[in-house]
Each structure stands twice: as structure tokens, then as C-alpha cells.
Amino acid sequence: MDSFDEAYARYLKFLALLDRTDDIGEKNLLFRQLTQLLADLERRLNGSDTSPVSDELYCEEANFNYTS
């Protein structure tokens, strides 16, 4: 189980990657990961959930289909 600090460090890492990429598909994937991490961090802060988001989210293969 990740600690809050480890989850926050992962969030900062994904945020930095989002700023560095120009690929729309990668941006979409990173945005979804950031959204999940923020929800997880909020649950931890509120004390309503102590279980981390599944690591599958961070290791999943990207679906790079951009739809507008």
C-alpha cells in the first residue's frame, strides 16, 4: 500500500509528464491517471477510504484514440 506521500509523489510525476508531452493520446492517459490519483488523495485526506487505487491504472496500456 502506498503512503499518502508516495501517492502525491506519483501525482507530481504524472503532472510533470503532462507538461512535457505533445501527444494527445498520452495527455489523455495522463489526465485520467491524474484524475484517479486526485480522487484517491482526497479520500485519504477525508479518511473515508484507506485503500489505494489499483496499480493497474498506472500500468495499463494506453488507448490512444482521440475523439473530439
C-alpha atoms as a PDB file:
ATOM      1  CA  MET A   1       0.000   0.000   0.000  1.00  0.00           C
ATOM      2  CA  ASP A   2       1.328   3.409  -0.952  1.00  0.00           C
ATOM      3  CA  SER A   3       1.599   6.071   1.669  1.00  0.00           C
ATOM      4  CA  PHE A   4      -0.008   9.432   1.040  1.00  0.00           C
ATOM      5  CA  ASP A   5       3.430  10.897   0.295  1.00  0.00           C
ATOM      6  CA  GLU A   6       4.159   8.192  -2.277  1.00  0.00           C
ATOM      7  CA  ALA A   7       0.813   8.743  -3.971  1.00  0.00           C
ATOM      8  CA  TYR A   8       1.423  12.511  -4.005  1.00  0.00           C
ATOM      9  CA  ALA A   9       4.896  11.991  -5.496  1.00  0.00           C
ATOM     10  CA  ARG A  10       3.304   9.859  -8.241  1.00  0.00           C
ATOM     11  CA  TYR A  11       0.795  12.668  -8.872  1.00  0.00           C
ATOM     12  CA  LEU A  12       3.613  15.210  -9.266  1.00  0.00           C
ATOM     13  CA  LYS A  13       5.455  12.857 -11.628  1.00  0.00           C
ATOM     14  CA  PHE A  14       2.394  12.471 -13.871  1.00  0.00           C
ATOM     15  CA  LEU A  15       1.773  16.222 -13.775  1.00  0.00           C
ATOM     16  CA  ALA A  16       5.335  16.882 -14.961  1.00  0.00           C
ATOM     17  CA  LEU A  17       4.917  14.310 -17.752  1.00  0.00           C
ATOM     18  CA  LEU A  18       1.691  16.019 -18.832  1.00  0.00           C
ATOM     19  CA  ASP A  19       3.558  19.302 -19.254  1.00  0.00           C
ATOM     20  CA  ARG A  20       6.305  17.682 -21.313  1.00  0.00           C
ATOM     21  CA  THR A  21       4.318  15.736 -23.886  1.00  0.00           C
ATOM     22  CA  ASP A  22       2.656  16.987 -27.042  1.00  0.00           C
ATOM     23  CA  ASP A  23       0.981  13.658 -27.848  1.00  0.00           C
ATOM     24  CA  ILE A  24      -2.803  13.942 -27.391  1.00  0.00           C
ATOM     25  CA  GLY A  25      -3.220  10.250 -26.588  1.00  0.00           C
ATOM     26  CA  GLU A  26      -0.562  10.368 -23.914  1.00  0.00           C
ATOM     27  CA  LYS A  27      -2.090  13.565 -22.487  1.00  0.00           C
ATOM     28  CA  ASN A  28      -5.474  11.825 -22.294  1.00  0.00           C
ATOM     29  CA  LEU A  29      -3.984   8.857 -20.442  1.00  0.00           C
ATOM     30  CA  LEU A  30      -2.044  11.065 -18.044  1.00  0.00           C
ATOM     31  CA  PHE A  31      -5.105  13.201 -17.374  1.00  0.00           C
ATOM     32  CA  ARG A  32      -7.139  10.087 -16.478  1.00  0.00           C
ATOM     33  CA  GLN A  33      -4.364   8.929 -14.155  1.00  0.00           C
ATOM     34  CA  LEU A  34      -4.134  12.359 -12.526  1.00  0.00           C
ATOM     35  CA  THR A  35      -7.897  12.408 -12.006  1.00  0.00           C
ATOM     36  CA  GLN A  36      -7.811   8.981 -10.314  1.00  0.00           C
ATOM     37  CA  LEU A  37      -4.884   9.980  -8.138  1.00  0.00           C
ATOM     38  CA  LEU A  38      -6.615  13.177  -7.040  1.00  0.00           C
ATOM     39  CA  ALA A  39      -9.715  11.209  -6.087  1.00  0.00           C
ATOM     40  CA  ASP A  40      -7.571   8.742  -4.140  1.00  0.00           C
ATOM     41  CA  LEU A  41      -5.694  11.528  -2.354  1.00  0.00           C
ATOM     42  CA  GLU A  42      -8.958  13.255  -1.461  1.00  0.00           C
ATOM     43  CA  ARG A  43     -10.379  10.029   0.004  1.00  0.00           C
ATOM     44  CA  ARG A  44      -7.250   9.617   2.086  1.00  0.00           C
ATOM     45  CA  LEU A  45      -7.436  13.179   3.370  1.00  0.00           C
ATOM     46  CA  ASN A  46     -11.090  12.763   4.275  1.00  0.00           C
ATOM     47  CA  GLY A  47     -10.367   9.440   5.948  1.00  0.00           C
ATOM     48  CA  SER A  48     -13.195   7.746   4.067  1.00  0.00           C
ATOM     49  CA  ASP A  49     -11.005   5.249   2.253  1.00  0.00           C
ATOM     50  CA  THR A  50      -7.579   3.925   3.154  1.00  0.00           C
ATOM     51  CA  SER A  51      -7.148   1.612   0.171  1.00  0.00           C
ATOM     52  CA  PRO A  52      -5.066   2.952  -2.724  1.00  0.00           C
ATOM     53  CA  VAL A  53      -6.231   2.986  -6.311  1.00  0.00           C
ATOM     54  CA  SER A  54      -5.208  -0.191  -8.099  1.00  0.00           C
ATOM     55  CA  ASP A  55      -1.753  -0.189  -9.633  1.00  0.00           C
ATOM     56  CA  GLU A  56      -3.401  -1.468 -12.833  1.00  0.00           C
ATOM     57  CA  LEU A  57      -4.366   2.141 -13.545  1.00  0.00           C
ATOM     58  CA  TYR A  58      -0.715   3.166 -13.683  1.00  0.00           C
ATOM     59  CA  CYS A  59       0.426   0.213 -15.768  1.00  0.00           C
ATOM     60  CA  GLU A  60      -2.422  -0.103 -18.253  1.00  0.00           C
ATOM     61  CA  GLU A  61      -1.762   0.034 -21.949  1.00  0.00           C
ATOM     62  CA  ALA A  62      -2.778   3.372 -23.371  1.00  0.00           C
ATOM     63  CA  ASN A  63      -5.769   3.633 -25.646  1.00  0.00           C
ATOM     64  CA  PHE A  64      -4.662   6.470 -27.889  1.00  0.00           C
ATOM     65  CA  ASN A  65      -7.935   7.094 -29.698  1.00  0.00           C
ATOM     66  CA  TYR A  66      -8.620  10.797 -29.652  1.00  0.00           C
ATOM     67  CA  THR A  67     -12.227  11.827 -30.127  1.00  0.00           C
ATOM     68  CA  SER A  68     -13.402  15.383 -30.360  1.00  0.00           C
END
